[in-house]
């Protein structure tokens, strides 16, 4: 995986465009999963505790939890093993905790969507967590900058058609 410090600088304009669309997809009430990744940081930054007070956010991303905490937004940071590069939590503890929730919507970020429609990420433990979240979610939203398309990372998350909605900064072909 690429370090968080490097990833946060990549595609910053695309991430803002994606976040502007994603925020319109939030339900009025319920549980929302914010996946790990710098693509979701701008979405977390746009949330507020007035317009989103009937939502509870769950994440495995330490930075997203920090953003939400600074804004006094109701959230839960999953526990687990801290990955030294991605600064995310995963593993058996995360899976056990995650099993307690059903989500109205999950927002999933990825490292690649290849030509065959395989949606992938760099860390197998995170791929397993993403798969579990998707099974427990009513709506599944893929958030991926155009730079992620036609790329493949080692761990498969899902097929592109497993997502209800794709958000990208540029139009993509199925």
N, C-alpha and C. Protein backbone atom coordinates (compact mmCIF):
# COMPACT_ATOMS: atom_id res chain seq x y z
N UNK A 1 0.82 -1.21 0.00
CA UNK A 1 0.00 0.00 0.00
C UNK A 1 0.86 1.27 0.00
N UNK A 2 0.29 2.31 -0.57
CA UNK A 2 0.95 3.62 -0.59
C UNK A 2 0.64 4.32 0.72
N UNK A 3 1.59 5.07 1.25
CA UNK A 3 1.39 5.74 2.54
C UNK A 3 0.23 6.73 2.48
N UNK A 4 -0.38 6.95 3.63
CA UNK A 4 -1.49 7.90 3.75
C UNK A 4 -1.03 9.30 3.35
N UNK A 5 0.15 9.66 3.77
CA UNK A 5 0.68 10.99 3.46
C UNK A 5 0.76 11.24 1.96
N UNK A 6 1.12 10.22 1.20
CA UNK A 6 1.21 10.36 -0.25
C UNK A 6 -0.18 10.31 -0.88
N UNK A 7 -1.05 9.40 -0.39
CA UNK A 7 -2.39 9.23 -0.98
C UNK A 7 -3.26 10.46 -0.78
N UNK A 8 -3.10 11.16 0.32
CA UNK A 8 -3.97 12.31 0.58
C UNK A 8 -3.76 13.41 -0.46
N UNK A 9 -2.58 13.47 -1.03
CA UNK A 9 -2.28 14.49 -2.05
C UNK A 9 -2.77 14.09 -3.44
N UNK A 10 -2.93 12.80 -3.68
CA UNK A 10 -3.35 12.31 -5.00
C UNK A 10 -4.84 12.56 -5.23
N UNK A 11 -5.19 13.01 -6.41
CA UNK A 11 -6.59 13.16 -6.82
C UNK A 11 -7.43 14.02 -5.88
N UNK A 12 -6.85 15.04 -5.27
CA UNK A 12 -7.60 15.82 -4.27
C UNK A 12 -8.84 16.48 -4.87
N UNK A 13 -8.77 16.99 -6.08
CA UNK A 13 -9.94 17.59 -6.72
C UNK A 13 -11.01 16.53 -7.01
N UNK A 14 -10.58 15.38 -7.47
CA UNK A 14 -11.52 14.28 -7.74
C UNK A 14 -12.23 13.85 -6.46
N UNK A 15 -11.50 13.79 -5.36
CA UNK A 15 -12.09 13.38 -4.08
C UNK A 15 -13.16 14.37 -3.62
N UNK A 16 -12.95 15.64 -3.86
CA UNK A 16 -13.95 16.65 -3.51
C UNK A 16 -15.22 16.48 -4.35
N UNK A 17 -15.05 16.25 -5.64
CA UNK A 17 -16.20 16.02 -6.53
C UNK A 17 -16.98 14.80 -6.07
N UNK A 18 -16.27 13.74 -5.76
CA UNK A 18 -16.91 12.50 -5.29
C UNK A 18 -17.66 12.74 -3.99
N UNK A 19 -17.05 13.46 -3.06
CA UNK A 19 -17.69 13.75 -1.76
C UNK A 19 -18.96 14.57 -1.93
N UNK A 20 -18.96 15.51 -2.86
CA UNK A 20 -20.15 16.34 -3.09
C UNK A 20 -21.34 15.50 -3.55
N UNK A 21 -21.08 14.46 -4.31
CA UNK A 21 -22.16 13.56 -4.72
C UNK A 21 -22.54 12.62 -3.58
N UNK A 22 -21.55 12.07 -2.92
CA UNK A 22 -21.80 11.10 -1.85
C UNK A 22 -22.67 11.67 -0.73
N UNK A 23 -22.46 12.90 -0.36
CA UNK A 23 -23.21 13.47 0.76
C UNK A 23 -24.71 13.53 0.46
N UNK A 24 -25.05 13.60 -0.81
CA UNK A 24 -26.48 13.64 -1.19
C UNK A 24 -27.14 12.27 -1.04
N UNK A 25 -26.36 11.23 -0.86
CA UNK A 25 -26.88 9.87 -0.76
C UNK A 25 -27.09 9.40 0.68
N UNK A 26 -26.81 10.27 1.63
CA UNK A 26 -26.98 9.89 3.04
C UNK A 26 -28.46 9.76 3.38
N UNK A 27 -28.81 8.74 4.15
CA UNK A 27 -30.21 8.61 4.58
C UNK A 27 -30.50 9.62 5.69
N UNK A 28 -31.76 9.74 6.06
CA UNK A 28 -32.12 10.66 7.14
C UNK A 28 -31.79 10.09 8.51
N UNK A 29 -31.92 8.76 8.64
CA UNK A 29 -31.64 8.10 9.91
C UNK A 29 -30.92 6.78 9.65
N UNK A 30 -30.33 6.23 10.70
CA UNK A 30 -29.74 4.90 10.62
C UNK A 30 -28.24 4.91 10.73
N UNK A 31 -27.68 3.74 10.44
CA UNK A 31 -26.24 3.53 10.51
C UNK A 31 -25.64 3.63 9.11
N UNK A 32 -24.48 4.31 9.06
CA UNK A 32 -23.77 4.53 7.79
C UNK A 32 -22.32 4.08 8.00
N UNK A 33 -21.83 3.28 7.06
CA UNK A 33 -20.43 2.87 7.14
C UNK A 33 -19.58 3.73 6.23
N UNK A 34 -18.55 4.34 6.80
CA UNK A 34 -17.57 5.11 6.04
C UNK A 34 -16.29 4.27 6.01
N UNK A 35 -16.00 3.73 4.87
CA UNK A 35 -14.84 2.88 4.69
C UNK A 35 -13.56 3.69 4.88
N UNK A 36 -12.48 2.98 5.04
CA UNK A 36 -11.18 3.62 5.19
C UNK A 36 -10.70 4.16 3.84
N UNK A 37 -9.94 5.22 3.91
CA UNK A 37 -9.30 5.73 2.71
C UNK A 37 -9.44 7.23 2.55
N UNK A 38 -8.45 7.80 1.91
CA UNK A 38 -8.43 9.25 1.74
C UNK A 38 -9.53 9.75 0.81
N UNK A 39 -10.13 8.88 0.02
CA UNK A 39 -11.25 9.28 -0.82
C UNK A 39 -12.45 9.66 0.05
N UNK A 40 -12.57 9.07 1.23
CA UNK A 40 -13.70 9.37 2.11
C UNK A 40 -13.43 10.53 3.06
N UNK A 41 -12.22 10.98 3.19
CA UNK A 41 -11.92 12.08 4.10
C UNK A 41 -12.71 13.35 3.77
N UNK A 42 -12.80 13.76 2.49
CA UNK A 42 -13.61 14.96 2.20
C UNK A 42 -15.08 14.78 2.55
N UNK A 43 -15.62 13.58 2.40
CA UNK A 43 -17.01 13.33 2.80
C UNK A 43 -17.15 13.52 4.30
N UNK A 44 -16.25 12.94 5.08
CA UNK A 44 -16.30 13.11 6.53
C UNK A 44 -16.20 14.58 6.91
N UNK A 45 -15.38 15.33 6.20
CA UNK A 45 -15.21 16.76 6.49
C UNK A 45 -16.47 17.57 6.20
N UNK A 46 -17.31 17.10 5.29
CA UNK A 46 -18.54 17.82 4.93
C UNK A 46 -19.70 17.54 5.90
N UNK A 47 -19.57 16.52 6.72
CA UNK A 47 -20.65 16.17 7.65
C UNK A 47 -20.73 17.19 8.77
N UNK A 48 -21.93 17.33 9.33
CA UNK A 48 -22.08 18.19 10.51
C UNK A 48 -23.08 17.56 11.46
N UNK A 49 -23.03 17.95 12.73
CA UNK A 49 -23.89 17.30 13.71
C UNK A 49 -25.29 17.87 13.74
N UNK A 50 -25.59 18.85 12.90
CA UNK A 50 -26.96 19.38 12.80
C UNK A 50 -27.73 18.63 11.71
N UNK A 51 -27.21 18.62 10.52
CA UNK A 51 -27.89 17.99 9.40
C UNK A 51 -27.81 16.47 9.43
N UNK A 52 -26.90 15.93 10.22
CA UNK A 52 -26.70 14.49 10.24
C UNK A 52 -26.80 13.91 11.65
N UNK A 53 -27.60 14.57 12.48
CA UNK A 53 -27.67 14.15 13.89
C UNK A 53 -28.42 12.85 14.10
N UNK A 54 -29.21 12.40 13.13
CA UNK A 54 -29.94 11.14 13.28
C UNK A 54 -29.20 9.96 12.65
N UNK A 55 -27.94 10.18 12.34
CA UNK A 55 -27.11 9.13 11.77
C UNK A 55 -26.02 8.73 12.75
N UNK A 56 -25.65 7.47 12.70
CA UNK A 56 -24.50 6.98 13.47
C UNK A 56 -23.53 6.43 12.45
N UNK A 57 -22.31 6.96 12.45
CA UNK A 57 -21.29 6.55 11.50
C UNK A 57 -20.36 5.53 12.13
N UNK A 58 -20.02 4.51 11.35
CA UNK A 58 -19.07 3.49 11.78
C UNK A 58 -17.92 3.52 10.77
N UNK A 59 -16.69 3.41 11.27
CA UNK A 59 -15.52 3.42 10.38
C UNK A 59 -14.40 2.60 11.00
N UNK A 60 -13.46 2.21 10.16
CA UNK A 60 -12.23 1.59 10.63
C UNK A 60 -11.02 2.47 10.32
N UNK A 61 -11.28 3.72 9.96
CA UNK A 61 -10.24 4.66 9.58
C UNK A 61 -10.00 5.65 10.73
N UNK A 62 -8.81 5.64 11.27
CA UNK A 62 -8.47 6.49 12.42
C UNK A 62 -8.63 7.97 12.07
N UNK A 63 -8.22 8.37 10.88
CA UNK A 63 -8.34 9.78 10.48
C UNK A 63 -9.80 10.21 10.36
N UNK A 64 -10.65 9.36 9.79
CA UNK A 64 -12.07 9.69 9.67
C UNK A 64 -12.69 9.82 11.05
N UNK A 65 -12.37 8.90 11.95
CA UNK A 65 -12.89 8.98 13.32
C UNK A 65 -12.46 10.29 13.98
N UNK A 66 -11.24 10.72 13.73
CA UNK A 66 -10.75 11.98 14.30
C UNK A 66 -11.52 13.18 13.75
N UNK A 67 -11.78 13.17 12.44
CA UNK A 67 -12.55 14.24 11.82
C UNK A 67 -13.95 14.31 12.45
N UNK A 68 -14.60 13.16 12.60
CA UNK A 68 -15.94 13.12 13.17
C UNK A 68 -15.94 13.54 14.63
N UNK A 69 -14.92 13.14 15.38
CA UNK A 69 -14.82 13.51 16.79
C UNK A 69 -14.67 15.02 16.95
N UNK A 70 -13.87 15.65 16.10
CA UNK A 70 -13.67 17.09 16.18
C UNK A 70 -14.97 17.85 15.93
N UNK A 71 -15.89 17.23 15.19
CA UNK A 71 -17.17 17.87 14.87
C UNK A 71 -18.30 17.40 15.78
N UNK A 72 -17.98 16.59 16.78
CA UNK A 72 -18.97 16.02 17.71
C UNK A 72 -20.07 15.26 16.97
N UNK A 73 -19.68 14.51 15.96
CA UNK A 73 -20.62 13.69 15.19
C UNK A 73 -20.60 12.27 15.77
N UNK A 74 -21.78 11.72 15.96
CA UNK A 74 -21.92 10.39 16.54
C UNK A 74 -21.26 9.34 15.64
N UNK A 75 -20.29 8.62 16.21
CA UNK A 75 -19.58 7.62 15.42
C UNK A 75 -18.96 6.56 16.33
N UNK A 76 -18.59 5.48 15.69
CA UNK A 76 -17.87 4.39 16.35
C UNK A 76 -16.65 4.06 15.50
N UNK A 77 -15.49 4.00 16.13
CA UNK A 77 -14.27 3.54 15.48
C UNK A 77 -14.10 2.08 15.85
N UNK A 78 -14.11 1.22 14.85
CA UNK A 78 -13.91 -0.20 15.11
C UNK A 78 -12.52 -0.43 15.68
N UNK A 79 -12.39 -1.44 16.50
CA UNK A 79 -11.09 -1.82 17.04
C UNK A 79 -10.41 -2.80 16.11
N UNK A 80 -9.24 -3.24 16.50
CA UNK A 80 -8.55 -4.23 15.70
C UNK A 80 -7.08 -3.96 15.56
N UNK A 81 -6.48 -4.57 14.57
CA UNK A 81 -5.06 -4.41 14.32
C UNK A 81 -4.83 -3.16 13.47
N UNK A 82 -3.95 -2.29 13.94
CA UNK A 82 -3.64 -1.06 13.21
C UNK A 82 -2.60 -1.35 12.14
N UNK A 83 -2.98 -1.09 10.89
CA UNK A 83 -2.04 -1.28 9.78
C UNK A 83 -1.05 -0.12 9.78
N UNK A 84 0.25 -0.39 9.74
CA UNK A 84 1.24 0.69 9.87
C UNK A 84 1.28 1.67 8.70
N UNK A 85 0.83 1.27 7.51
CA UNK A 85 0.88 2.16 6.35
C UNK A 85 -0.45 2.87 6.14
N UNK A 86 -1.56 2.12 6.17
CA UNK A 86 -2.87 2.71 5.87
C UNK A 86 -3.51 3.41 7.06
N UNK A 87 -3.03 3.15 8.26
CA UNK A 87 -3.58 3.73 9.50
C UNK A 87 -5.06 3.36 9.66
N UNK A 88 -5.37 2.11 9.32
CA UNK A 88 -6.73 1.60 9.44
C UNK A 88 -6.72 0.38 10.36
N UNK A 89 -7.89 0.06 10.89
CA UNK A 89 -8.03 -1.07 11.79
C UNK A 89 -8.77 -2.19 11.09
N UNK A 90 -8.28 -3.41 11.27
CA UNK A 90 -8.94 -4.57 10.68
C UNK A 90 -8.55 -5.80 11.48
N UNK A 91 -9.07 -6.94 11.06
CA UNK A 91 -8.77 -8.19 11.74
C UNK A 91 -9.96 -8.71 12.51
N UNK A 92 -9.76 -9.76 13.32
CA UNK A 92 -10.87 -10.43 14.01
C UNK A 92 -11.71 -9.52 14.91
N UNK A 93 -11.09 -8.60 15.60
CA UNK A 93 -11.84 -7.70 16.49
C UNK A 93 -12.78 -6.81 15.67
N UNK A 94 -12.27 -6.26 14.58
CA UNK A 94 -13.10 -5.43 13.69
C UNK A 94 -14.28 -6.22 13.15
N UNK A 95 -14.03 -7.44 12.71
CA UNK A 95 -15.10 -8.29 12.15
C UNK A 95 -16.16 -8.60 13.19
N UNK A 96 -15.72 -8.90 14.39
CA UNK A 96 -16.66 -9.20 15.47
C UNK A 96 -17.54 -7.98 15.76
N UNK A 97 -16.95 -6.83 15.90
CA UNK A 97 -17.72 -5.60 16.16
C UNK A 97 -18.65 -5.29 15.00
N UNK A 98 -18.17 -5.40 13.79
CA UNK A 98 -18.95 -5.07 12.61
C UNK A 98 -20.20 -5.93 12.51
N UNK A 99 -20.11 -7.15 12.98
CA UNK A 99 -21.24 -8.07 12.93
C UNK A 99 -22.45 -7.61 13.73
N UNK A 100 -22.29 -6.61 14.56
CA UNK A 100 -23.37 -6.10 15.39
C UNK A 100 -24.27 -5.09 14.67
N UNK A 101 -23.90 -4.69 13.46
CA UNK A 101 -24.60 -3.59 12.80
C UNK A 101 -25.19 -3.99 11.45
N UNK A 102 -26.27 -3.31 11.10
CA UNK A 102 -26.81 -3.31 9.75
C UNK A 102 -26.80 -1.87 9.29
N UNK A 103 -26.42 -1.65 8.05
CA UNK A 103 -26.22 -0.30 7.55
C UNK A 103 -27.26 0.07 6.49
N UNK A 104 -27.71 1.30 6.55
CA UNK A 104 -28.57 1.84 5.50
C UNK A 104 -27.76 1.98 4.22
N UNK A 105 -26.52 2.42 4.37
CA UNK A 105 -25.64 2.62 3.22
C UNK A 105 -24.20 2.46 3.67
N UNK A 106 -23.39 1.90 2.77
CA UNK A 106 -21.94 1.87 3.01
C UNK A 106 -21.26 2.58 1.83
N UNK A 107 -20.25 3.35 2.16
CA UNK A 107 -19.43 4.04 1.17
C UNK A 107 -18.08 3.34 1.16
N UNK A 108 -17.72 2.74 0.02
CA UNK A 108 -16.53 1.92 -0.09
C UNK A 108 -15.53 2.57 -1.04
N UNK A 109 -14.28 2.68 -0.58
CA UNK A 109 -13.21 3.17 -1.45
C UNK A 109 -12.33 1.99 -1.86
N UNK A 110 -11.63 2.14 -2.97
CA UNK A 110 -10.86 1.03 -3.53
C UNK A 110 -9.53 1.51 -4.08
N UNK A 111 -8.65 0.56 -4.36
CA UNK A 111 -7.38 0.87 -5.01
C UNK A 111 -7.42 0.62 -6.51
N UNK A 112 -8.40 -0.17 -6.95
CA UNK A 112 -8.47 -0.44 -8.37
C UNK A 112 -9.78 -1.08 -8.80
N UNK A 113 -10.15 -0.80 -10.05
CA UNK A 113 -11.26 -1.46 -10.73
C UNK A 113 -10.70 -1.88 -12.08
N UNK A 114 -10.52 -3.19 -12.27
CA UNK A 114 -9.87 -3.63 -13.50
C UNK A 114 -10.86 -3.75 -14.66
N UNK A 115 -10.35 -4.08 -15.83
CA UNK A 115 -11.16 -4.14 -17.05
C UNK A 115 -12.26 -5.20 -16.99
N UNK A 116 -12.09 -6.19 -16.15
CA UNK A 116 -13.11 -7.24 -15.99
C UNK A 116 -14.15 -6.89 -14.93
N UNK A 117 -14.02 -5.71 -14.30
CA UNK A 117 -14.98 -5.30 -13.28
C UNK A 117 -14.68 -5.83 -11.89
N UNK A 118 -13.47 -6.29 -11.67
CA UNK A 118 -13.05 -6.69 -10.33
C UNK A 118 -12.67 -5.46 -9.53
N UNK A 119 -13.28 -5.30 -8.38
CA UNK A 119 -13.00 -4.18 -7.49
C UNK A 119 -12.02 -4.67 -6.44
N UNK A 120 -10.87 -3.98 -6.31
CA UNK A 120 -9.78 -4.50 -5.50
C UNK A 120 -9.18 -3.47 -4.56
N UNK A 121 -8.46 -3.98 -3.54
CA UNK A 121 -7.70 -3.11 -2.64
C UNK A 121 -6.36 -3.76 -2.34
N UNK A 122 -5.51 -3.04 -1.64
CA UNK A 122 -4.13 -3.48 -1.42
C UNK A 122 -3.93 -4.43 -0.24
N UNK A 123 -4.85 -4.41 0.72
CA UNK A 123 -4.65 -5.17 1.96
C UNK A 123 -5.77 -6.20 2.10
N UNK A 124 -5.42 -7.48 2.19
CA UNK A 124 -6.42 -8.55 2.23
C UNK A 124 -7.36 -8.41 3.43
N UNK A 125 -6.84 -8.03 4.60
CA UNK A 125 -7.68 -7.88 5.78
C UNK A 125 -8.74 -6.81 5.58
N UNK A 126 -8.38 -5.75 4.87
CA UNK A 126 -9.34 -4.69 4.58
C UNK A 126 -10.37 -5.15 3.55
N UNK A 127 -9.94 -5.94 2.57
CA UNK A 127 -10.88 -6.48 1.57
C UNK A 127 -11.93 -7.34 2.25
N UNK A 128 -11.52 -8.16 3.21
CA UNK A 128 -12.46 -9.02 3.93
C UNK A 128 -13.46 -8.17 4.71
N UNK A 129 -12.99 -7.11 5.34
CA UNK A 129 -13.87 -6.21 6.09
C UNK A 129 -14.87 -5.52 5.15
N UNK A 130 -14.41 -5.06 4.00
CA UNK A 130 -15.28 -4.40 3.03
C UNK A 130 -16.38 -5.36 2.55
N UNK A 131 -16.00 -6.62 2.29
CA UNK A 131 -16.98 -7.62 1.87
C UNK A 131 -18.06 -7.81 2.93
N UNK A 132 -17.64 -7.88 4.17
CA UNK A 132 -18.59 -8.06 5.27
C UNK A 132 -19.54 -6.87 5.36
N UNK A 133 -18.99 -5.67 5.27
CA UNK A 133 -19.82 -4.45 5.33
C UNK A 133 -20.86 -4.46 4.22
N UNK A 134 -20.45 -4.83 3.02
CA UNK A 134 -21.38 -4.84 1.89
C UNK A 134 -22.53 -5.81 2.12
N UNK A 135 -22.26 -6.96 2.73
CA UNK A 135 -23.31 -7.93 3.02
C UNK A 135 -24.33 -7.37 4.01
N UNK A 136 -23.91 -6.47 4.86
CA UNK A 136 -24.76 -5.94 5.93
C UNK A 136 -25.37 -4.58 5.56
N UNK A 137 -25.27 -4.17 4.31
CA UNK A 137 -25.73 -2.85 3.88
C UNK A 137 -26.87 -2.94 2.88
N UNK A 138 -27.85 -2.06 3.05
CA UNK A 138 -28.96 -1.98 2.11
C UNK A 138 -28.47 -1.43 0.77
N UNK A 139 -27.71 -0.32 0.82
CA UNK A 139 -27.16 0.29 -0.39
C UNK A 139 -25.65 0.28 -0.32
N UNK A 140 -25.03 -0.03 -1.44
CA UNK A 140 -23.58 -0.12 -1.53
C UNK A 140 -23.09 0.91 -2.55
N UNK A 141 -22.26 1.83 -2.08
CA UNK A 141 -21.78 2.91 -2.93
C UNK A 141 -20.27 2.79 -3.10
N UNK A 142 -19.83 2.71 -4.34
CA UNK A 142 -18.42 2.69 -4.68
C UNK A 142 -17.95 4.12 -4.89
N UNK A 143 -16.87 4.50 -4.24
CA UNK A 143 -16.27 5.83 -4.42
C UNK A 143 -14.85 5.62 -4.96
N UNK A 144 -14.64 5.99 -6.23
CA UNK A 144 -13.33 5.76 -6.85
C UNK A 144 -13.02 6.84 -7.88
N UNK A 145 -11.90 7.49 -7.72
CA UNK A 145 -11.45 8.47 -8.70
C UNK A 145 -11.15 7.78 -10.02
N UNK A 146 -11.22 8.53 -11.09
CA UNK A 146 -10.97 7.98 -12.43
C UNK A 146 -9.60 7.32 -12.52
N UNK A 147 -8.65 7.79 -11.75
CA UNK A 147 -7.29 7.21 -11.76
C UNK A 147 -7.26 5.77 -11.25
N UNK A 148 -8.30 5.32 -10.58
CA UNK A 148 -8.34 3.95 -10.04
C UNK A 148 -8.88 2.94 -11.05
N UNK A 149 -9.49 3.42 -12.13
CA UNK A 149 -10.10 2.53 -13.12
C UNK A 149 -9.01 1.96 -14.02
N UNK A 150 -9.23 0.74 -14.46
CA UNK A 150 -8.29 -0.02 -15.27
C UNK A 150 -6.99 -0.32 -14.50
N UNK A 151 -7.14 -0.44 -13.17
CA UNK A 151 -6.02 -0.83 -12.32
C UNK A 151 -6.47 -1.99 -11.45
N UNK A 152 -5.50 -2.75 -10.97
CA UNK A 152 -5.82 -3.89 -10.12
C UNK A 152 -4.87 -3.92 -8.93
N UNK A 153 -5.44 -4.16 -7.75
CA UNK A 153 -4.66 -4.37 -6.54
C UNK A 153 -4.78 -5.86 -6.17
N UNK A 154 -3.99 -6.35 -5.24
CA UNK A 154 -3.94 -7.80 -4.97
C UNK A 154 -5.20 -8.44 -4.40
N UNK A 155 -6.00 -7.71 -3.62
CA UNK A 155 -7.12 -8.33 -2.90
C UNK A 155 -8.47 -7.94 -3.50
N UNK A 156 -9.23 -8.93 -3.94
CA UNK A 156 -10.54 -8.65 -4.53
C UNK A 156 -11.57 -8.39 -3.43
N UNK A 157 -12.37 -7.33 -3.65
CA UNK A 157 -13.45 -6.98 -2.73
C UNK A 157 -14.77 -7.51 -3.26
N UNK A 158 -15.05 -7.20 -4.52
CA UNK A 158 -16.35 -7.54 -5.11
C UNK A 158 -16.27 -7.35 -6.61
N UNK A 159 -17.39 -7.64 -7.27
CA UNK A 159 -17.55 -7.30 -8.69
C UNK A 159 -18.17 -5.92 -8.76
N UNK A 160 -17.88 -5.20 -9.80
CA UNK A 160 -18.42 -3.86 -9.97
C UNK A 160 -19.94 -3.84 -9.87
N UNK A 161 -20.58 -4.85 -10.40
CA UNK A 161 -22.05 -4.90 -10.38
C UNK A 161 -22.64 -5.23 -9.01
N UNK A 162 -21.80 -5.52 -8.02
CA UNK A 162 -22.28 -5.72 -6.65
C UNK A 162 -22.63 -4.40 -5.97
N UNK A 163 -22.22 -3.29 -6.59
CA UNK A 163 -22.51 -1.96 -6.04
C UNK A 163 -23.79 -1.41 -6.65
N UNK A 164 -24.57 -0.72 -5.84
CA UNK A 164 -25.79 -0.09 -6.33
C UNK A 164 -25.49 1.21 -7.07
N UNK A 165 -24.45 1.91 -6.61
CA UNK A 165 -24.10 3.23 -7.16
C UNK A 165 -22.59 3.32 -7.25
N UNK A 166 -22.10 3.92 -8.34
CA UNK A 166 -20.69 4.22 -8.49
C UNK A 166 -20.57 5.73 -8.52
N UNK A 167 -19.65 6.25 -7.75
CA UNK A 167 -19.36 7.69 -7.81
C UNK A 167 -17.93 7.86 -8.27
N UNK A 168 -17.77 8.62 -9.34
CA UNK A 168 -16.46 8.89 -9.90
C UNK A 168 -16.43 10.35 -10.36
N UNK A 169 -15.27 10.91 -10.48
CA UNK A 169 -15.14 12.29 -10.93
C UNK A 169 -15.28 12.42 -12.44
N UNK A 170 -15.22 11.30 -13.16
CA UNK A 170 -15.40 11.29 -14.61
C UNK A 170 -16.32 10.12 -14.97
N UNK A 171 -17.06 10.22 -16.07
CA UNK A 171 -17.92 9.10 -16.49
C UNK A 171 -17.08 7.85 -16.78
N UNK A 172 -17.63 6.69 -16.40
CA UNK A 172 -16.96 5.41 -16.62
C UNK A 172 -17.89 4.47 -17.38
N UNK A 173 -17.30 3.57 -18.14
CA UNK A 173 -18.07 2.56 -18.85
C UNK A 173 -18.13 1.32 -17.98
N UNK A 174 -19.24 0.61 -18.09
CA UNK A 174 -19.36 -0.66 -17.34
C UNK A 174 -18.58 -1.73 -18.04
